[in-house]
Protein backbone atom coordinates (compact mmCIF):
# COMPACT_ATOMS: atom_id res chain seq x y z
CA MET A 1 -5.68 18.31 -21.38
CA VAL A 2 -5.92 21.12 -18.82
CA THR A 3 -3.10 23.65 -19.13
CA ILE A 4 -1.41 26.07 -16.75
CA LYS A 5 -2.77 28.90 -18.91
CA GLN A 6 -6.37 27.75 -18.37
CA ILE A 7 -5.89 27.46 -14.60
CA ALA A 8 -4.35 30.94 -14.54
CA GLU A 9 -7.31 32.45 -16.45
CA LEU A 10 -9.89 30.76 -14.21
CA CYS A 11 -8.09 31.88 -11.05
CA GLY A 12 -7.35 35.38 -12.30
CA VAL A 13 -3.62 35.06 -11.71
CA SER A 14 -0.55 34.92 -13.93
CA ARG A 15 0.83 31.74 -15.47
CA GLY A 16 4.00 32.34 -13.49
CA THR A 17 2.03 32.23 -10.25
CA VAL A 18 0.40 28.94 -11.22
CA ASP A 19 3.77 27.50 -12.19
CA ARG A 20 5.30 28.53 -8.86
CA VAL A 21 2.42 26.98 -6.90
CA LEU A 22 2.30 23.70 -8.81
CA ASN A 23 6.07 23.26 -8.81
CA GLY A 24 6.88 24.67 -5.38
CA ARG A 25 9.05 27.45 -6.77
CA GLY A 26 9.15 30.85 -5.11
CA LYS A 27 6.72 32.49 -2.69
CA VAL A 28 2.98 32.86 -3.31
CA LYS A 29 0.41 34.24 -0.87
CA PRO A 30 -1.34 31.34 0.94
CA GLU A 31 -4.82 32.33 -0.26
CA LYS A 32 -3.68 32.44 -3.90
CA ALA A 33 -1.81 29.13 -3.54
CA LYS A 34 -4.95 27.49 -2.14
CA LEU A 35 -7.06 28.91 -4.98
CA VAL A 36 -4.67 27.51 -7.59
CA LEU A 37 -4.34 24.09 -5.94
CA ASP A 38 -8.11 23.76 -5.51
CA MET A 39 -8.71 24.67 -9.15
CA ALA A 40 -6.01 22.23 -10.35
CA ALA A 41 -7.60 19.44 -8.32
CA LYS A 42 -11.10 20.32 -9.54
CA LEU A 43 -9.95 20.18 -13.17
CA HIS A 44 -7.87 17.00 -12.61
CA TYR A 45 -4.74 18.76 -13.80
CA HIS A 46 -1.74 16.56 -14.63
CA PRO A 47 1.63 17.94 -15.79
CA ASN A 48 2.60 17.42 -19.41
CA PRO A 49 5.09 14.49 -19.43
CA ALA A 50 7.06 16.04 -22.28
CA GLY A 51 7.30 19.30 -20.38
CA LYS A 52 8.40 17.49 -17.26
CA ALA A 53 11.03 15.62 -19.21
CA LEU A 54 12.36 18.88 -20.63
CA ALA A 55 12.43 20.54 -17.21
CA ALA A 56 14.13 17.53 -15.64
CA ARG A 57 16.79 17.44 -18.36
CA LYS A 58 17.69 21.04 -17.54
CA LYS A 59 18.30 20.00 -13.92
CA HIS A 60 20.50 17.03 -14.92
CA PRO A 61 19.34 14.84 -11.99
CA THR A 62 21.99 12.29 -11.02
CA VAL A 63 21.57 9.21 -8.82
CA GLY A 64 24.39 7.27 -7.20
CA VAL A 65 23.76 3.58 -6.53
CA LEU A 66 26.04 1.72 -4.11
CA LEU A 67 25.21 -1.92 -3.38
CA LEU A 68 27.09 -4.77 -1.70
CA SER A 69 26.30 -6.84 -4.75
CA GLU A 70 29.54 -8.35 -6.04
CA GLY A 71 29.36 -12.14 -5.78
CA VAL A 72 25.83 -12.03 -4.30
CA HIS A 73 23.34 -13.42 -6.83
CA PHE A 74 20.33 -12.09 -4.93
CA PHE A 75 21.26 -8.66 -6.29
CA ASP A 76 21.09 -9.86 -9.91
CA ASP A 77 17.31 -9.34 -9.91
CA VAL A 78 17.54 -6.15 -7.85
CA LEU A 79 19.96 -4.61 -10.35
CA SER A 80 18.07 -5.91 -13.37
CA ALA A 81 14.96 -4.10 -12.15
CA MET A 82 16.94 -0.95 -11.36
CA HIS A 83 18.55 -0.87 -14.81
CA HIS A 84 15.11 -1.34 -16.39
CA MET A 85 13.75 1.63 -14.46
CA ALA A 86 16.84 3.70 -15.28
CA ASP A 87 16.25 3.07 -18.99
CA LYS A 88 12.61 4.05 -18.54
CA TYR A 89 13.58 7.35 -16.92
CA ASP A 90 16.35 8.15 -19.39
CA SER A 91 14.04 10.48 -21.37
CA TYR A 92 13.83 12.66 -18.26
CA GLY A 93 17.59 13.10 -18.26
CA LEU A 94 18.06 10.94 -15.18
CA LYS A 95 21.68 9.82 -14.96
CA VAL A 96 22.71 6.86 -12.79
CA ILE A 97 26.24 6.21 -11.50
CA TRP A 98 26.57 2.53 -10.58
CA ARG A 99 28.97 1.36 -7.88
CA SER A 100 29.30 -2.04 -6.19
CA MET A 101 31.31 -3.74 -3.46
CA ARG A 102 32.29 -7.25 -2.47
CA GLY A 103 32.03 -7.91 1.24
CA PHE A 104 31.75 -5.44 4.08
CA ASP A 105 34.74 -3.09 3.86
CA LEU A 106 33.89 0.01 5.90
CA ASP A 107 36.70 2.18 4.53
CA LYS A 108 35.76 1.31 0.96
CA GLN A 109 32.09 2.16 1.45
CA CYS A 110 33.03 5.51 2.97
CA ALA A 111 35.39 6.23 0.06
CA ILE A 112 32.75 5.40 -2.57
CA ILE A 113 30.18 7.64 -0.88
CA ASP A 114 32.73 10.48 -0.99
CA GLU A 115 33.46 9.76 -4.65
CA LEU A 116 29.77 9.85 -5.57
CA ARG A 117 29.31 13.14 -3.73
CA GLU A 118 32.25 14.62 -5.63
CA GLN A 119 30.49 13.64 -8.87
CA GLY A 120 27.54 15.81 -7.92
CA ILE A 121 24.83 13.25 -7.18
CA ASN A 122 21.37 14.51 -6.22
CA ALA A 123 20.29 11.19 -4.71
CA LEU A 124 21.94 8.12 -3.23
CA ILE A 125 20.56 4.58 -3.12
CA ILE A 126 22.71 2.57 -0.72
CA ASP A 127 22.91 -0.84 0.96
CA PRO A 128 24.64 0.52 4.07
CA LEU A 129 26.90 -0.94 6.68
CA ASN A 130 25.38 -0.19 10.09
CA HIS A 131 28.28 1.83 11.46
CA PRO A 132 28.62 5.34 12.96
CA ARG A 133 30.91 6.41 10.11
CA ILE A 134 28.28 5.49 7.52
CA ILE A 135 25.58 7.20 9.57
CA GLN A 136 27.73 10.34 9.52
CA LYS A 137 28.28 10.05 5.75
CA ILE A 138 24.54 9.68 5.13
CA ASP A 139 23.72 12.63 7.37
CA GLU A 140 26.31 14.72 5.53
CA CYS A 141 24.60 13.80 2.26
CA VAL A 142 21.20 14.82 3.61
CA ALA A 143 22.65 18.09 4.92
CA ASP A 144 23.89 18.74 1.36
CA LYS A 145 20.34 18.13 0.07
CA ILE A 146 21.20 14.71 -1.36
CA PHE A 147 18.13 12.47 -1.18
CA VAL A 148 19.07 9.15 0.48
CA VAL A 149 17.26 5.82 0.17
CA THR A 150 18.56 2.75 2.00
CA LEU A 151 17.95 -0.40 -0.03
CA ASN A 152 17.74 -4.00 1.23
CA ASN A 153 19.34 -3.02 4.55
CA ASP A 154 18.48 -0.07 6.75
CA ILE A 155 20.72 1.84 9.14
CA GLU A 156 20.11 3.02 12.69
CA ALA A 157 19.64 6.66 13.72
CA SER A 158 20.44 8.32 10.39
CA HIS A 159 18.44 11.02 8.61
CA ARG A 160 17.95 9.00 5.42
CA GLN A 161 14.64 9.77 3.70
CA CYS A 162 13.29 6.22 3.45
CA TYR A 163 14.08 2.50 3.45
CA VAL A 164 13.09 -0.05 0.81
CA GLY A 165 13.50 -3.72 1.68
CA PRO A 166 12.30 -6.71 3.69
CA ASN A 167 11.09 -6.94 7.27
CA TYR A 168 14.17 -8.55 8.81
CA PRO A 169 12.86 -9.37 12.32
CA ASN A 170 9.79 -10.98 10.75
CA GLY A 171 12.03 -12.97 8.40
CA GLY A 172 13.88 -14.46 11.36
CA LYS A 173 10.67 -15.26 13.20
CA THR A 174 9.14 -16.82 10.09
CA ALA A 175 12.21 -18.99 9.53
CA ALA A 176 12.08 -20.18 13.15
CA ALA A 177 8.38 -21.07 12.96
CA LEU A 178 8.95 -22.85 9.64
CA LEU A 179 11.87 -24.85 11.01
CA CYS A 180 9.78 -25.99 13.98
CA MET A 181 7.00 -27.13 11.64
CA ILE A 182 9.15 -29.20 9.30
CA HIS A 183 11.76 -30.65 11.67
CA PRO A 184 10.93 -32.80 14.70
CA GLN A 185 12.22 -31.71 18.10
CA PRO A 186 14.81 -31.52 19.55
CA LEU A 187 16.52 -28.94 17.37
CA HIS A 188 20.28 -28.41 17.40
CA THR A 189 20.68 -25.39 15.14
CA GLY A 190 23.61 -23.48 13.70
CA VAL A 191 23.23 -20.06 12.06
CA LEU A 192 25.24 -18.52 9.23
CA LEU A 193 25.07 -14.83 8.33
CA GLY A 194 27.00 -12.38 6.18
CA SER A 195 28.16 -9.89 8.77
CA LEU A 196 27.08 -8.58 12.14
CA GLN A 197 27.89 -5.13 10.68
CA MET A 198 24.61 -5.38 8.73
CA LEU A 199 21.56 -4.26 10.67
CA GLY A 200 19.26 -6.62 8.80
CA HIS A 201 21.41 -9.67 9.48
CA ARG A 202 21.39 -8.95 13.21
CA GLN A 203 17.65 -8.31 13.17
CA ARG A 204 16.97 -11.65 11.47
CA LEU A 205 19.17 -13.41 13.99
CA ASP A 206 17.38 -11.70 16.88
CA GLY A 207 13.95 -12.56 15.46
CA PHE A 208 14.97 -16.18 14.93
CA LEU A 209 16.39 -16.63 18.44
CA GLU A 210 13.49 -14.81 20.07
CA THR A 211 11.04 -17.27 18.53
CA MET A 212 13.18 -20.36 19.07
CA GLN A 213 13.69 -19.60 22.76
CA GLU A 214 10.00 -20.38 23.24
CA HIS A 215 10.77 -24.04 22.46
CA PRO A 216 12.34 -26.02 25.32
CA ASP A 217 13.99 -28.50 22.94
CA PHE A 218 15.92 -25.85 21.01
CA HIS A 219 19.70 -25.94 21.36
CA PHE A 220 21.74 -23.15 19.77
CA CYS A 221 25.03 -24.37 18.29
CA GLY A 222 26.35 -20.90 17.47
CA VAL A 223 26.48 -18.26 14.74
CA GLU A 224 29.20 -17.79 12.12
CA GLU A 225 29.93 -14.92 9.70
CA CYS A 226 30.65 -15.86 6.08
CA GLU A 227 30.97 -12.40 4.44
CA ASP A 228 28.25 -13.49 1.97
CA ASP A 229 30.88 -15.70 0.31
CA ASP A 230 30.15 -19.31 -0.67
CA MET A 231 33.72 -20.50 -0.16
CA ILE A 232 33.84 -19.07 3.35
CA ALA A 233 30.36 -20.45 4.02
CA TYR A 234 31.55 -23.93 2.99
CA GLU A 235 34.44 -23.84 5.47
CA LYS A 236 32.35 -22.39 8.29
CA VAL A 237 29.67 -25.06 7.95
CA ARG A 238 32.22 -27.84 7.51
CA GLN A 239 33.83 -26.82 10.80
CA LEU A 240 30.46 -26.39 12.48
CA LEU A 241 29.56 -29.97 11.58
CA LEU A 242 32.85 -31.21 13.01
CA ASP A 243 32.49 -29.21 16.23
CA HIS A 244 28.82 -30.09 16.71
CA PRO A 245 28.07 -33.62 15.47
CA GLU A 246 24.65 -33.27 17.11
CA LEU A 247 23.75 -30.42 14.73
CA ASN A 248 20.60 -31.26 12.76
CA SER A 249 19.46 -27.90 11.36
CA ILE A 250 21.00 -24.80 9.77
CA PHE A 251 19.55 -21.34 9.20
CA ILE A 252 21.24 -19.21 6.52
CA ILE A 253 20.38 -15.56 7.12
CA SER A 254 21.85 -14.00 3.96
CA ALA A 255 24.05 -15.20 1.08
CA GLY A 256 26.25 -18.29 1.33
CA ALA A 257 23.52 -20.92 1.08
CA TYR A 258 25.19 -22.74 -1.82
CA GLY A 259 28.50 -23.10 0.01
CA ALA A 260 26.72 -24.26 3.15
CA ALA A 261 24.70 -26.82 1.21
CA ARG A 262 27.85 -28.16 -0.47
CA ALA A 263 29.42 -28.66 2.96
CA VAL A 264 26.38 -30.65 4.11
CA LEU A 265 26.53 -32.76 0.94
CA ALA A 266 30.25 -33.40 1.37
CA ALA A 267 29.66 -34.55 4.94
CA GLY A 268 26.95 -36.96 3.79
CA ARG A 269 24.53 -35.50 6.33
CA LYS A 270 21.07 -36.25 4.97
CA ASP A 271 19.47 -35.63 8.37
CA ILE A 272 19.99 -31.86 8.34
CA THR A 273 17.17 -29.41 7.69
CA MET A 274 18.24 -26.17 6.05
CA ILE A 275 16.24 -22.93 5.83
CA VAL A 276 17.66 -20.14 3.65
CA PHE A 277 16.75 -16.84 2.01
CA ASP A 278 16.27 -16.10 -1.70
CA THR A 279 15.37 -18.34 -4.62
CA ILE A 280 18.46 -17.93 -6.77
CA PRO A 281 19.35 -20.76 -9.22
CA THR A 282 21.91 -22.43 -6.92
CA THR A 283 19.35 -22.55 -4.11
CA ILE A 284 16.80 -24.18 -6.41
CA GLU A 285 19.47 -26.70 -7.44
CA MET A 286 20.05 -27.64 -3.79
CA MET A 287 16.32 -27.81 -3.13
CA LYS A 288 16.01 -30.35 -5.94
CA LYS A 289 18.81 -32.37 -4.33
CA GLY A 290 16.94 -32.34 -1.03
CA VAL A 291 19.63 -30.39 0.85
CA ILE A 292 17.64 -27.16 1.26
CA GLN A 293 14.08 -27.65 2.44
CA ALA A 294 12.70 -24.11 2.19
CA ALA A 295 13.64 -20.56 1.21
CA LEU A 296 12.16 -17.21 2.14
CA TYR A 297 11.58 -14.94 -0.84
CA GLN A 298 12.02 -11.17 -0.35
CA HIS A 299 10.96 -9.76 -3.75
CA PRO A 300 14.28 -8.49 -5.14
CA ARG A 301 12.79 -7.00 -8.31
CA GLN A 302 10.20 -5.05 -6.34
CA GLN A 303 12.95 -3.72 -4.08
CA GLY A 304 14.92 -2.39 -7.05
CA GLN A 305 11.87 -0.96 -8.81
CA ARG A 306 10.53 0.79 -5.72
CA ALA A 307 13.87 2.38 -4.82
CA MET A 308 14.25 3.86 -8.31
CA GLN A 309 10.60 4.98 -8.37
CA VAL A 310 10.93 6.81 -5.04
CA VAL A 311 14.06 8.62 -6.23
CA PHE A 312 12.52 9.52 -9.60
CA ASP A 313 9.36 10.86 -7.98
CA TYR A 314 11.43 13.06 -5.69
CA LEU A 315 13.98 14.37 -8.21
CA VAL A 316 11.67 14.82 -11.21
CA ASN A 317 8.16 15.21 -9.78
CA GLY A 318 9.07 16.82 -6.46
CA ILE A 319 7.07 14.19 -4.56
CA ALA A 320 8.45 13.15 -1.18
CA PRO A 321 8.03 9.51 -0.06
CA GLU A 322 4.66 8.70 1.50
CA HIS A 323 6.25 6.22 3.90
CA ASP A 324 9.38 6.02 6.02
CA LYS A 325 9.68 2.35 5.10
CA TYR A 326 8.54 0.41 2.02
CA ILE A 327 8.44 -3.17 3.26
CA MET A 328 8.45 -6.30 1.08
CA ARG A 329 6.71 -9.39 2.43
CA ASN A 330 8.63 -12.51 3.38
CA GLU A 331 7.11 -15.40 1.42
CA ILE A 332 7.82 -19.10 1.93
CA ARG A 333 9.04 -21.09 -1.06
CA ILE A 334 9.40 -24.86 -1.16
CA LEU A 335 10.40 -27.11 -4.05
CA GLN A 336 6.82 -27.36 -5.29
CA ASN A 337 6.32 -23.59 -5.74
CA VAL A 338 9.83 -22.21 -6.19
CA GLU A 339 9.82 -22.00 -10.00
């Protein structure tokens, strides 16, 4: 294994100079920095993992995680992957402070961000509400040199470092195209989403409607917010069926699919086509009962893994994200390939 001492001897500089160049610490003349970097690349130098772990432990890197995950089973896989990565990085001294929320309470999200900052976090992974107050909180974090990754939902016009999650407009467009393929025209469609406060939910809705407007036999029966809660989703869909007896299709943009499916079952409406997101156990149950026809899969484990990897690389290895957005593909799942 190539060492810093060997690079220093070959370049005719001190070990301290090599350390400063390779770790971005202190000032080194540009010509010397180039000499060191070229030599390190030529020799295929890689830092000693044990040394990196020791150096990282001295820094005590701390990550705050704040997700809107309570009562939303999609996040079970996201969090499982994140905890796995946290355990993997434990030897580097990486500490994770876990926080969660139920629903879309703006004041609560602001308060938790403040609490995490008070605990001295170096990075924040957040599923943010798309609101000016949250944008301000994120920008304050960045100004304080807190590395911010938005996970599963992005936020407009903030200075966050990167986003990890699905392509929401494409998800809406894909759902619309899928619905047109599996349900005969005309379509009388109702839409259920968690909250219009979430950028991704609005983007999926916009993508869906943009595609559906191309079809002359599409009739929009309205959109309802369910706060990602199955009980609220049940009541919203039950009322939607009463108000629009002509309704023959439902698009579920976020959580709440199980409650919506139960409302369809209770109404005895076997003529309704339902497109949802995520392949959680309750969705698979309703697919087997013939209530849900298809689900769009957005790789929850990959989302969790990537977010933790990006933060680890930045805090421990000093590597900034290569991309502004790390996008997970929307993949169609039907009963025959869902398990």
